[in-house]
Amino acid sequence: MNDQIFETVVSTVSPEGQPHLAPLGVRYRGDEVVLMPFKPSTTLQNILSTGHAVLNVVVDTRVFAGCVTGRREWPTVPAERIAGVRLKAALSHLELQLVDEQDDAQRPVLRMARVHEARHGDFRGFNRAQAAVVEGAVLVSRLHLLPRDKIESEMRYLQIAIDKTAGSEEHEAWGWLCEAVARHRAREAA
C-alpha cells in the first residue's frame, strides 16, 4: 500500500452546481485515487451527493493559501466528462467517480476511479517557497488543533524559504497565511 500523500486542490460541485475548492492530500493506489476529507466538510458532502470530484494539480500556491484563508473564488472551467469543474490554472486534472466509501467518525475513506485525465501545462519544478506555502497552508488549516509554539516555530522556519526563493505569487500567498495566523492569535488572546 502506498501511503505517500500528494497535495492537490480538489474541486467538487453541490447537487445545485455550486463549485467548491479545497486543498486535500490524496493517495494514488493503482488506477484509483483515495481521498480522506474531514467530517464535516463541503467536499465530503458534495462527493457523497454527486459521486464526482476533480483533482487539480497546481503550482500556483496562492490557490492553496487562498482556500484556507477564505479566498475560494478561482477561475474554473467545466470538466470534460463529469458534471463538475476544474481549475483553469491546473497543470493537469483528473476527473473522478466515487466507487466506494468507508465511513469513519473523523475521516471517511473515499475510493475514486479515474474517469478522465488531461494535461494543460508544463511542470518546471517547485521552488522552496512554493513548498513552504503549501506547508504553511496545512498549518493554517489546523490552527485549532496545534499548540501555539508549534505554529510559531514552523512559520519561522518556513519564512526562511520564503525569504530566499519566493516570487510575487508566493509572497502574496504567504502574506495571507501570516494574516490568518495573526487573526487566530488575536482570537485566542481575546
N, C-alpha and C. Protein backbone atom coordinates (compact mmCIF):
# COMPACT_ATOMS: atom_id res chain seq x y z
N MET A 1 0.84 -1.18 0.00
CA MET A 1 0.00 0.00 0.00
C MET A 1 0.88 1.24 0.00
N ASN A 2 0.56 2.19 -0.87
CA ASN A 2 1.32 3.43 -0.97
C ASN A 2 0.70 4.46 -0.04
N ASP A 3 1.44 4.86 1.00
CA ASP A 3 0.91 5.85 1.93
C ASP A 3 1.46 7.24 1.67
N GLN A 4 2.13 7.43 0.53
CA GLN A 4 2.57 8.78 0.17
C GLN A 4 1.35 9.64 -0.05
N ILE A 5 1.40 10.86 0.45
CA ILE A 5 0.30 11.80 0.28
C ILE A 5 0.78 12.93 -0.62
N PHE A 6 -0.03 13.26 -1.63
CA PHE A 6 0.28 14.31 -2.58
C PHE A 6 -0.72 15.45 -2.39
N GLU A 7 -0.20 16.66 -2.25
CA GLU A 7 -1.06 17.82 -2.01
C GLU A 7 -1.64 18.33 -3.32
N THR A 8 -2.95 18.38 -3.37
CA THR A 8 -3.67 18.81 -4.57
C THR A 8 -4.79 19.77 -4.15
N VAL A 9 -5.52 20.25 -5.11
CA VAL A 9 -6.74 21.01 -4.84
C VAL A 9 -7.87 20.23 -5.49
N VAL A 10 -8.86 19.89 -4.68
CA VAL A 10 -9.99 19.12 -5.17
C VAL A 10 -11.17 20.06 -5.41
N SER A 11 -11.75 19.96 -6.59
CA SER A 11 -12.95 20.73 -6.88
C SER A 11 -14.15 19.79 -6.94
N THR A 12 -15.21 20.23 -6.29
CA THR A 12 -16.47 19.49 -6.30
C THR A 12 -17.58 20.48 -6.62
N VAL A 13 -18.75 19.96 -6.88
CA VAL A 13 -19.92 20.82 -7.05
C VAL A 13 -21.05 20.26 -6.19
N SER A 14 -21.88 21.14 -5.72
CA SER A 14 -23.07 20.73 -4.97
C SER A 14 -24.08 20.14 -5.95
N PRO A 15 -25.11 19.48 -5.45
CA PRO A 15 -26.16 18.99 -6.36
C PRO A 15 -26.78 20.12 -7.19
N GLU A 16 -26.72 21.35 -6.68
CA GLU A 16 -27.25 22.50 -7.41
C GLU A 16 -26.23 23.09 -8.38
N GLY A 17 -25.01 22.53 -8.42
CA GLY A 17 -23.99 23.00 -9.35
C GLY A 17 -23.05 24.07 -8.81
N GLN A 18 -23.11 24.35 -7.50
CA GLN A 18 -22.24 25.36 -6.88
C GLN A 18 -20.83 24.79 -6.71
N PRO A 19 -19.80 25.37 -7.35
CA PRO A 19 -18.43 24.86 -7.21
C PRO A 19 -17.87 25.09 -5.82
N HIS A 20 -17.00 24.19 -5.41
CA HIS A 20 -16.28 24.30 -4.13
C HIS A 20 -14.85 23.80 -4.35
N LEU A 21 -13.88 24.56 -3.84
CA LEU A 21 -12.46 24.19 -3.95
C LEU A 21 -11.89 23.97 -2.57
N ALA A 22 -11.04 22.96 -2.43
CA ALA A 22 -10.40 22.69 -1.15
C ALA A 22 -9.07 21.97 -1.37
N PRO A 23 -8.00 22.44 -0.69
CA PRO A 23 -6.75 21.69 -0.72
C PRO A 23 -6.98 20.34 -0.02
N LEU A 24 -6.42 19.30 -0.58
CA LEU A 24 -6.61 17.98 0.02
C LEU A 24 -5.44 17.08 -0.37
N GLY A 25 -4.86 16.43 0.61
CA GLY A 25 -3.84 15.42 0.35
C GLY A 25 -4.51 14.16 -0.16
N VAL A 26 -3.96 13.58 -1.22
CA VAL A 26 -4.55 12.38 -1.81
C VAL A 26 -3.49 11.29 -1.92
N ARG A 27 -3.99 10.07 -2.02
CA ARG A 27 -3.11 8.91 -2.23
C ARG A 27 -3.49 8.26 -3.56
N TYR A 28 -2.47 7.89 -4.34
CA TYR A 28 -2.70 7.18 -5.59
C TYR A 28 -2.51 5.69 -5.32
N ARG A 29 -3.50 4.91 -5.66
CA ARG A 29 -3.44 3.46 -5.48
C ARG A 29 -3.81 2.80 -6.80
N GLY A 30 -2.80 2.55 -7.63
CA GLY A 30 -3.07 2.00 -8.96
C GLY A 30 -3.90 2.96 -9.77
N ASP A 31 -5.02 2.48 -10.29
CA ASP A 31 -5.91 3.32 -11.09
C ASP A 31 -6.87 4.14 -10.23
N GLU A 32 -6.85 3.92 -8.93
CA GLU A 32 -7.74 4.65 -8.04
C GLU A 32 -7.01 5.78 -7.32
N VAL A 33 -7.80 6.74 -6.87
CA VAL A 33 -7.30 7.83 -6.04
C VAL A 33 -8.09 7.77 -4.74
N VAL A 34 -7.39 7.84 -3.61
CA VAL A 34 -8.04 7.77 -2.30
C VAL A 34 -8.07 9.16 -1.69
N LEU A 35 -9.28 9.61 -1.36
CA LEU A 35 -9.49 10.89 -0.69
C LEU A 35 -9.99 10.62 0.72
N MET A 36 -9.53 11.43 1.67
CA MET A 36 -9.97 11.29 3.05
C MET A 36 -10.33 12.66 3.63
N PRO A 37 -11.41 13.26 3.15
CA PRO A 37 -11.80 14.57 3.68
C PRO A 37 -12.32 14.46 5.11
N PHE A 38 -12.08 15.50 5.89
CA PHE A 38 -12.57 15.52 7.26
C PHE A 38 -14.08 15.66 7.28
N LYS A 39 -14.68 15.14 8.36
CA LYS A 39 -16.10 15.36 8.66
C LYS A 39 -16.19 16.51 9.63
N PRO A 40 -17.11 17.38 9.52
CA PRO A 40 -17.93 17.63 8.34
C PRO A 40 -17.15 18.49 7.36
N SER A 41 -17.44 18.37 6.09
CA SER A 41 -16.81 19.24 5.09
C SER A 41 -17.69 19.32 3.86
N THR A 42 -17.62 20.43 3.19
CA THR A 42 -18.37 20.62 1.95
C THR A 42 -17.88 19.64 0.89
N THR A 43 -16.56 19.41 0.86
CA THR A 43 -16.00 18.47 -0.11
C THR A 43 -16.64 17.09 0.06
N LEU A 44 -16.66 16.60 1.28
CA LEU A 44 -17.24 15.28 1.55
C LEU A 44 -18.71 15.25 1.16
N GLN A 45 -19.46 16.25 1.59
CA GLN A 45 -20.89 16.31 1.30
C GLN A 45 -21.14 16.32 -0.21
N ASN A 46 -20.36 17.12 -0.95
CA ASN A 46 -20.54 17.19 -2.40
C ASN A 46 -20.23 15.88 -3.09
N ILE A 47 -19.14 15.22 -2.68
CA ILE A 47 -18.78 13.94 -3.31
C ILE A 47 -19.85 12.89 -3.04
N LEU A 48 -20.31 12.82 -1.80
CA LEU A 48 -21.33 11.83 -1.47
C LEU A 48 -22.64 12.13 -2.20
N SER A 49 -22.94 13.40 -2.43
CA SER A 49 -24.17 13.78 -3.12
C SER A 49 -24.12 13.56 -4.62
N THR A 50 -22.98 13.87 -5.24
CA THR A 50 -22.89 13.80 -6.71
C THR A 50 -22.13 12.58 -7.22
N GLY A 51 -21.26 12.01 -6.37
CA GLY A 51 -20.44 10.88 -6.80
C GLY A 51 -19.22 11.26 -7.61
N HIS A 52 -18.91 12.58 -7.68
CA HIS A 52 -17.79 13.03 -8.51
C HIS A 52 -16.91 14.05 -7.81
N ALA A 53 -15.69 14.16 -8.30
CA ALA A 53 -14.74 15.19 -7.87
C ALA A 53 -13.71 15.36 -8.97
N VAL A 54 -13.01 16.49 -8.93
CA VAL A 54 -11.90 16.72 -9.85
C VAL A 54 -10.67 17.02 -9.02
N LEU A 55 -9.61 16.30 -9.29
CA LEU A 55 -8.32 16.51 -8.63
C LEU A 55 -7.51 17.44 -9.53
N ASN A 56 -7.11 18.59 -8.99
CA ASN A 56 -6.36 19.59 -9.76
C ASN A 56 -4.91 19.64 -9.26
N VAL A 57 -3.97 19.51 -10.18
CA VAL A 57 -2.56 19.65 -9.85
C VAL A 57 -2.16 21.07 -10.23
N VAL A 58 -1.79 21.86 -9.24
CA VAL A 58 -1.44 23.27 -9.47
C VAL A 58 -0.10 23.60 -8.83
N VAL A 59 0.59 24.57 -9.40
CA VAL A 59 1.81 25.09 -8.77
C VAL A 59 1.62 26.52 -8.29
N ASP A 60 0.50 27.15 -8.64
CA ASP A 60 0.19 28.48 -8.12
C ASP A 60 -0.28 28.29 -6.68
N THR A 61 0.64 28.47 -5.76
CA THR A 61 0.34 28.17 -4.35
C THR A 61 -0.63 29.17 -3.73
N ARG A 62 -0.94 30.24 -4.44
CA ARG A 62 -1.98 31.15 -3.95
C ARG A 62 -3.31 30.42 -3.82
N VAL A 63 -3.54 29.42 -4.66
CA VAL A 63 -4.79 28.66 -4.58
C VAL A 63 -4.86 27.92 -3.24
N PHE A 64 -3.77 27.26 -2.84
CA PHE A 64 -3.74 26.57 -1.55
C PHE A 64 -3.96 27.55 -0.41
N ALA A 65 -3.16 28.62 -0.40
CA ALA A 65 -3.25 29.61 0.68
C ALA A 65 -4.60 30.31 0.65
N GLY A 66 -5.09 30.60 -0.53
CA GLY A 66 -6.38 31.27 -0.65
C GLY A 66 -7.52 30.44 -0.10
N CYS A 67 -7.52 29.16 -0.43
CA CYS A 67 -8.61 28.30 0.03
C CYS A 67 -8.67 28.19 1.55
N VAL A 68 -7.52 28.16 2.22
CA VAL A 68 -7.54 28.02 3.68
C VAL A 68 -7.70 29.36 4.39
N THR A 69 -7.69 30.47 3.63
CA THR A 69 -7.87 31.79 4.25
C THR A 69 -9.13 32.48 3.73
N GLY A 70 -10.04 31.70 3.16
CA GLY A 70 -11.32 32.25 2.75
C GLY A 70 -11.37 32.82 1.35
N ARG A 71 -10.33 32.63 0.56
CA ARG A 71 -10.30 33.13 -0.82
C ARG A 71 -10.52 31.94 -1.76
N ARG A 72 -11.74 31.55 -1.95
CA ARG A 72 -12.07 30.34 -2.72
C ARG A 72 -12.53 30.63 -4.14
N GLU A 73 -12.53 31.88 -4.54
CA GLU A 73 -13.00 32.25 -5.88
C GLU A 73 -11.83 32.24 -6.86
N TRP A 74 -11.61 31.11 -7.50
CA TRP A 74 -10.56 30.96 -8.50
C TRP A 74 -11.21 30.57 -9.82
N PRO A 75 -10.67 31.05 -10.92
CA PRO A 75 -11.30 30.75 -12.22
C PRO A 75 -11.34 29.24 -12.48
N THR A 76 -12.52 28.78 -12.92
CA THR A 76 -12.72 27.37 -13.25
C THR A 76 -13.27 27.26 -14.66
N VAL A 77 -13.16 26.08 -15.20
CA VAL A 77 -13.78 25.75 -16.49
C VAL A 77 -14.50 24.42 -16.31
N PRO A 78 -15.47 24.12 -17.15
CA PRO A 78 -16.20 22.85 -16.99
C PRO A 78 -15.28 21.64 -17.15
N ALA A 79 -15.56 20.62 -16.35
CA ALA A 79 -14.87 19.33 -16.53
C ALA A 79 -15.32 18.75 -17.87
N GLU A 80 -14.55 17.80 -18.38
CA GLU A 80 -14.82 17.28 -19.72
C GLU A 80 -15.79 16.10 -19.75
N ARG A 81 -15.73 15.23 -18.71
CA ARG A 81 -16.53 14.00 -18.77
C ARG A 81 -17.47 13.82 -17.58
N ILE A 82 -17.38 14.67 -16.58
CA ILE A 82 -18.28 14.58 -15.44
C ILE A 82 -18.94 15.94 -15.22
N ALA A 83 -20.01 15.95 -14.46
CA ALA A 83 -20.64 17.22 -14.09
C ALA A 83 -19.79 17.82 -12.98
N GLY A 84 -18.98 18.79 -13.33
CA GLY A 84 -18.07 19.41 -12.37
C GLY A 84 -17.23 20.46 -13.04
N VAL A 85 -16.27 20.97 -12.29
CA VAL A 85 -15.36 22.00 -12.81
C VAL A 85 -13.93 21.64 -12.44
N ARG A 86 -13.00 22.20 -13.22
CA ARG A 86 -11.58 22.10 -12.88
C ARG A 86 -11.03 23.51 -12.79
N LEU A 87 -9.93 23.64 -12.09
CA LEU A 87 -9.27 24.94 -12.01
C LEU A 87 -8.68 25.29 -13.36
N LYS A 88 -8.90 26.52 -13.78
CA LYS A 88 -8.31 26.99 -15.05
C LYS A 88 -6.78 26.96 -14.95
N ALA A 89 -6.23 27.20 -13.75
CA ALA A 89 -4.78 27.24 -13.55
C ALA A 89 -4.14 25.86 -13.40
N ALA A 90 -4.93 24.80 -13.44
CA ALA A 90 -4.39 23.45 -13.23
C ALA A 90 -3.41 23.08 -14.34
N LEU A 91 -2.26 22.52 -13.94
CA LEU A 91 -1.33 21.97 -14.93
C LEU A 91 -1.87 20.67 -15.49
N SER A 92 -2.61 19.94 -14.66
CA SER A 92 -3.30 18.73 -15.09
C SER A 92 -4.48 18.53 -14.16
N HIS A 93 -5.39 17.69 -14.60
CA HIS A 93 -6.53 17.37 -13.74
C HIS A 93 -6.97 15.93 -13.99
N LEU A 94 -7.58 15.37 -12.96
CA LEU A 94 -8.17 14.03 -13.02
C LEU A 94 -9.63 14.16 -12.66
N GLU A 95 -10.50 13.68 -13.51
CA GLU A 95 -11.92 13.64 -13.19
C GLU A 95 -12.19 12.28 -12.56
N LEU A 96 -12.87 12.31 -11.41
CA LEU A 96 -13.01 11.12 -10.59
C LEU A 96 -14.47 10.77 -10.31
N GLN A 97 -14.71 9.47 -10.14
CA GLN A 97 -16.05 8.98 -9.77
C GLN A 97 -15.92 8.11 -8.53
N LEU A 98 -16.81 8.33 -7.59
CA LEU A 98 -16.81 7.56 -6.34
C LEU A 98 -17.16 6.10 -6.61
N VAL A 99 -16.28 5.19 -6.12
CA VAL A 99 -16.56 3.77 -6.25
C VAL A 99 -16.88 3.12 -4.91
N ASP A 100 -16.32 3.66 -3.84
CA ASP A 100 -16.55 3.05 -2.52
C ASP A 100 -16.30 4.09 -1.43
N GLU A 101 -17.11 4.00 -0.40
CA GLU A 101 -16.94 4.85 0.78
C GLU A 101 -16.86 3.98 2.01
N GLN A 102 -15.80 4.17 2.80
CA GLN A 102 -15.68 3.51 4.10
C GLN A 102 -15.87 4.61 5.14
N ASP A 103 -17.00 4.57 5.83
CA ASP A 103 -17.31 5.62 6.79
C ASP A 103 -16.34 5.58 7.96
N ASP A 104 -16.12 6.74 8.54
CA ASP A 104 -15.26 6.89 9.70
C ASP A 104 -15.77 8.11 10.46
N ALA A 105 -15.61 8.11 11.78
CA ALA A 105 -16.11 9.21 12.59
C ALA A 105 -15.43 10.53 12.25
N GLN A 106 -14.17 10.49 11.83
CA GLN A 106 -13.43 11.72 11.55
C GLN A 106 -13.11 11.92 10.07
N ARG A 107 -12.59 10.84 9.41
CA ARG A 107 -12.15 10.97 8.01
C ARG A 107 -12.56 9.74 7.21
N PRO A 108 -13.73 9.79 6.56
CA PRO A 108 -14.12 8.67 5.70
C PRO A 108 -13.10 8.45 4.58
N VAL A 109 -12.99 7.23 4.14
CA VAL A 109 -12.09 6.88 3.04
C VAL A 109 -12.94 6.75 1.77
N LEU A 110 -12.63 7.58 0.78
CA LEU A 110 -13.36 7.57 -0.48
C LEU A 110 -12.44 7.04 -1.57
N ARG A 111 -12.80 5.90 -2.14
CA ARG A 111 -12.05 5.35 -3.27
C ARG A 111 -12.69 5.87 -4.54
N MET A 112 -11.87 6.53 -5.36
CA MET A 112 -12.35 7.19 -6.56
C MET A 112 -11.69 6.58 -7.80
N ALA A 113 -12.49 6.31 -8.82
CA ALA A 113 -11.98 5.79 -10.09
C ALA A 113 -11.69 6.96 -11.03
N ARG A 114 -10.64 6.81 -11.80
CA ARG A 114 -10.29 7.81 -12.81
C ARG A 114 -11.26 7.69 -13.98
N VAL A 115 -11.90 8.81 -14.32
CA VAL A 115 -12.82 8.86 -15.45
C VAL A 115 -12.12 9.49 -16.65
N HIS A 116 -11.34 10.53 -16.36
CA HIS A 116 -10.66 11.26 -17.44
C HIS A 116 -9.46 11.98 -16.85
N GLU A 117 -8.40 12.08 -17.63
CA GLU A 117 -7.19 12.77 -17.20
C GLU A 117 -6.70 13.64 -18.35
N ALA A 118 -6.27 14.87 -18.03
CA ALA A 118 -5.77 15.76 -19.08
C ALA A 118 -4.64 16.63 -18.54
N ARG A 119 -3.74 16.96 -19.42
CA ARG A 119 -2.61 17.84 -19.08
C ARG A 119 -2.81 19.16 -19.78
N HIS A 120 -2.53 20.26 -19.05
CA HIS A 120 -2.79 21.59 -19.59
C HIS A 120 -1.56 22.49 -19.62
N GLY A 121 -0.48 22.08 -18.98
CA GLY A 121 0.71 22.91 -18.94
C GLY A 121 1.92 22.09 -18.54
N ASP A 122 3.07 22.70 -18.65
CA ASP A 122 4.32 22.03 -18.30
C ASP A 122 4.70 22.30 -16.86
N PHE A 123 5.21 21.28 -16.21
CA PHE A 123 5.70 21.41 -14.84
C PHE A 123 7.20 21.71 -14.91
N ARG A 124 7.61 22.87 -14.38
CA ARG A 124 9.02 23.26 -14.43
C ARG A 124 9.73 22.99 -13.12
N GLY A 125 9.00 22.48 -12.15
CA GLY A 125 9.59 22.21 -10.84
C GLY A 125 9.08 23.19 -9.80
N PHE A 126 9.27 22.82 -8.55
CA PHE A 126 8.89 23.69 -7.44
C PHE A 126 10.09 24.48 -6.97
N ASN A 127 9.83 25.67 -6.44
CA ASN A 127 10.89 26.33 -5.68
C ASN A 127 10.56 26.11 -4.21
N ARG A 128 11.50 26.36 -3.35
CA ARG A 128 11.32 26.09 -1.92
C ARG A 128 10.20 26.92 -1.33
N ALA A 129 9.98 28.11 -1.85
CA ALA A 129 8.90 28.96 -1.33
C ALA A 129 7.53 28.34 -1.61
N GLN A 130 7.38 27.70 -2.75
CA GLN A 130 6.10 27.05 -3.05
C GLN A 130 5.84 25.94 -2.04
N ALA A 131 6.86 25.15 -1.75
CA ALA A 131 6.69 24.10 -0.75
C ALA A 131 6.38 24.69 0.62
N ALA A 132 7.01 25.82 0.95
CA ALA A 132 6.76 26.48 2.24
C ALA A 132 5.32 26.98 2.31
N VAL A 133 4.79 27.52 1.23
CA VAL A 133 3.41 28.00 1.22
C VAL A 133 2.45 26.82 1.41
N VAL A 134 2.69 25.72 0.71
CA VAL A 134 1.81 24.56 0.87
C VAL A 134 1.85 24.07 2.32
N GLU A 135 3.04 23.97 2.89
CA GLU A 135 3.15 23.53 4.29
C GLU A 135 2.50 24.54 5.23
N GLY A 136 2.67 25.83 4.94
CA GLY A 136 2.01 26.86 5.73
C GLY A 136 0.49 26.76 5.65
N ALA A 137 -0.02 26.44 4.47
CA ALA A 137 -1.47 26.26 4.31
C ALA A 137 -1.97 25.09 5.15
N VAL A 138 -1.20 24.02 5.21
CA VAL A 138 -1.57 22.88 6.06
C VAL A 138 -1.62 23.33 7.52
N LEU A 139 -0.63 24.09 7.95
CA LEU A 139 -0.62 24.61 9.33
C LEU A 139 -1.85 25.48 9.60
N VAL A 140 -2.15 26.38 8.69
CA VAL A 140 -3.30 27.27 8.89
C VAL A 140 -4.60 26.47 8.95
N SER A 141 -4.69 25.41 8.17
CA SER A 141 -5.91 24.59 8.21
C SER A 141 -6.05 23.85 9.54
N ARG A 142 -4.99 23.83 10.32
CA ARG A 142 -5.01 23.11 11.60
C ARG A 142 -4.72 24.00 12.80
N LEU A 143 -4.92 25.30 12.66
CA LEU A 143 -4.65 26.23 13.76
C LEU A 143 -5.38 25.84 15.03
N HIS A 144 -6.59 25.34 14.88
CA HIS A 144 -7.41 24.97 16.04
C HIS A 144 -6.93 23.68 16.70
N LEU A 145 -6.04 22.95 16.05
CA LEU A 145 -5.56 21.67 16.57
C LEU A 145 -4.16 21.72 17.16
N LEU A 146 -3.34 22.67 16.71
CA LEU A 146 -1.92 22.68 17.06
C LEU A 146 -1.60 23.68 18.15
N PRO A 147 -0.60 23.37 18.99
CA PRO A 147 -0.18 24.32 20.01
C PRO A 147 0.46 25.56 19.38
N ARG A 148 0.29 26.69 20.03
CA ARG A 148 0.79 27.96 19.52
C ARG A 148 2.29 27.93 19.24
N ASP A 149 3.08 27.34 20.15
CA ASP A 149 4.54 27.33 19.95
C ASP A 149 4.93 26.52 18.71
N LYS A 150 4.20 25.45 18.41
CA LYS A 150 4.49 24.66 17.21
C LYS A 150 4.22 25.49 15.96
N ILE A 151 3.09 26.17 15.94
CA ILE A 151 2.74 27.01 14.79
C ILE A 151 3.81 28.07 14.58
N GLU A 152 4.17 28.76 15.67
CA GLU A 152 5.15 29.85 15.55
C GLU A 152 6.51 29.34 15.10
N SER A 153 6.97 28.22 15.64
CA SER A 153 8.29 27.71 15.24
C SER A 153 8.28 27.24 13.80
N GLU A 154 7.20 26.58 13.37
CA GLU A 154 7.09 26.13 11.97
C GLU A 154 7.05 27.32 11.01
N MET A 155 6.27 28.34 11.36
CA MET A 155 6.16 29.51 10.49
C MET A 155 7.52 30.23 10.38
N ARG A 156 8.25 30.32 11.49
CA ARG A 156 9.59 30.94 11.44
C ARG A 156 10.51 30.16 10.51
N TYR A 157 10.47 28.84 10.61
CA TYR A 157 11.32 28.01 9.76
C TYR A 157 10.93 28.17 8.28
N LEU A 158 9.63 28.14 7.99
CA LEU A 158 9.17 28.26 6.60
C LEU A 158 9.48 29.64 6.02
N GLN A 159 9.55 30.64 6.88
CA GLN A 159 9.86 32.00 6.44
C GLN A 159 11.23 32.06 5.74
N ILE A 160 12.15 31.20 6.14
CA ILE A 160 13.49 31.17 5.52
C ILE A 160 13.37 30.90 4.02
N ALA A 161 12.58 29.90 3.66
CA ALA A 161 12.40 29.57 2.24
C ALA A 161 11.70 30.71 1.50
N ILE A 162 10.74 31.35 2.16
CA ILE A 162 10.05 32.49 1.54
C ILE A 162 11.06 33.59 1.26
N ASP A 163 11.87 33.92 2.26
CA ASP A 163 12.86 34.99 2.10
C ASP A 163 13.87 34.71 0.99
N LYS A 164 14.24 33.45 0.83
CA LYS A 164 15.28 33.11 -0.13
C LYS A 164 14.79 32.86 -1.55
N THR A 165 13.56 32.34 -1.71
CA THR A 165 13.19 31.86 -3.05
C THR A 165 11.82 32.32 -3.56
N ALA A 166 11.08 33.10 -2.79
CA ALA A 166 9.71 33.45 -3.20
C ALA A 166 9.67 34.46 -4.32
N GLY A 167 8.73 34.26 -5.23
CA GLY A 167 8.37 35.26 -6.22
C GLY A 167 7.15 36.02 -5.71
N SER A 168 6.59 36.86 -6.54
CA SER A 168 5.47 37.69 -6.10
C SER A 168 4.25 36.87 -5.69
N GLU A 169 3.96 35.78 -6.40
CA GLU A 169 2.81 34.94 -6.05
C GLU A 169 2.99 34.30 -4.68
N GLU A 170 4.20 33.79 -4.41
CA GLU A 170 4.44 33.15 -3.11
C GLU A 170 4.41 34.18 -1.98
N HIS A 171 4.93 35.39 -2.24
CA HIS A 171 4.87 36.44 -1.22
C HIS A 171 3.42 36.79 -0.89
N GLU A 172 2.59 36.89 -1.92
CA GLU A 172 1.18 37.20 -1.70
C GLU A 172 0.52 36.09 -0.88
N ALA A 173 0.73 34.84 -1.28
CA ALA A 173 0.14 33.70 -0.57
C ALA A 173 0.63 33.65 0.87
N TRP A 174 1.92 33.86 1.08
CA TRP A 174 2.50 33.82 2.43
C TRP A 174 1.89 34.92 3.30
N GLY A 175 1.68 36.08 2.71
CA GLY A 175 1.04 37.17 3.45
C GLY A 175 -0.34 36.78 3.95
N TRP A 176 -1.12 36.11 3.10
CA TRP A 176 -2.46 35.66 3.52
C TRP A 176 -2.36 34.70 4.70
N LEU A 177 -1.39 33.78 4.64
CA LEU A 177 -1.23 32.80 5.72
C LEU A 177 -0.81 33.48 7.02
N CYS A 178 0.12 34.43 6.93
CA CYS A 178 0.56 35.16 8.13
C CYS A 178 -0.59 35.95 8.74
N GLU A 179 -1.44 36.55 7.90
CA GLU A 179 -2.61 37.26 8.40
C GLU A 179 -3.56 36.31 9.13
N ALA A 180 -3.74 35.11 8.59
CA ALA A 180 -4.63 34.13 9.23
C ALA A 180 -4.09 33.71 10.59
N VAL A 181 -2.77 33.51 10.69
CA VAL A 181 -2.17 33.16 11.98
C VAL A 181 -2.34 34.31 12.97
N ALA A 182 -2.14 35.53 12.52
CA ALA A 182 -2.30 36.69 13.40
C ALA A 182 -3.75 36.82 13.88
N ARG A 183 -4.71 36.61 13.00
CA ARG A 183 -6.12 36.65 13.42
C ARG A 183 -6.42 35.58 14.45
N HIS A 184 -5.85 34.39 14.25
CA HIS A 184 -6.05 33.29 15.19
C HIS A 184 -5.48 33.66 16.56
N ARG A 185 -4.27 34.22 16.57
CA ARG A 185 -3.64 34.65 17.85
C ARG A 185 -4.51 35.70 18.56
N ALA A 186 -5.05 36.64 17.78
CA ALA A 186 -5.88 37.70 18.37
C ALA A 186 -7.15 37.11 19.00
N ARG A 187 -7.75 36.12 18.32
CA ARG A 187 -8.94 35.48 18.88
C ARG A 187 -8.61 34.72 20.17
N GLU A 188 -7.43 34.08 20.17
CA GLU A 188 -7.00 33.36 21.39
C GLU A 188 -6.80 34.32 22.55
N ALA A 189 -6.25 35.50 22.26
CA ALA A 189 -5.94 36.49 23.31
C ALA A 189 -7.20 37.17 23.82
N ALA A 190 -8.26 37.19 23.03
CA ALA A 190 -9.48 37.90 23.43
C ALA A 190 -10.25 37.17 24.51
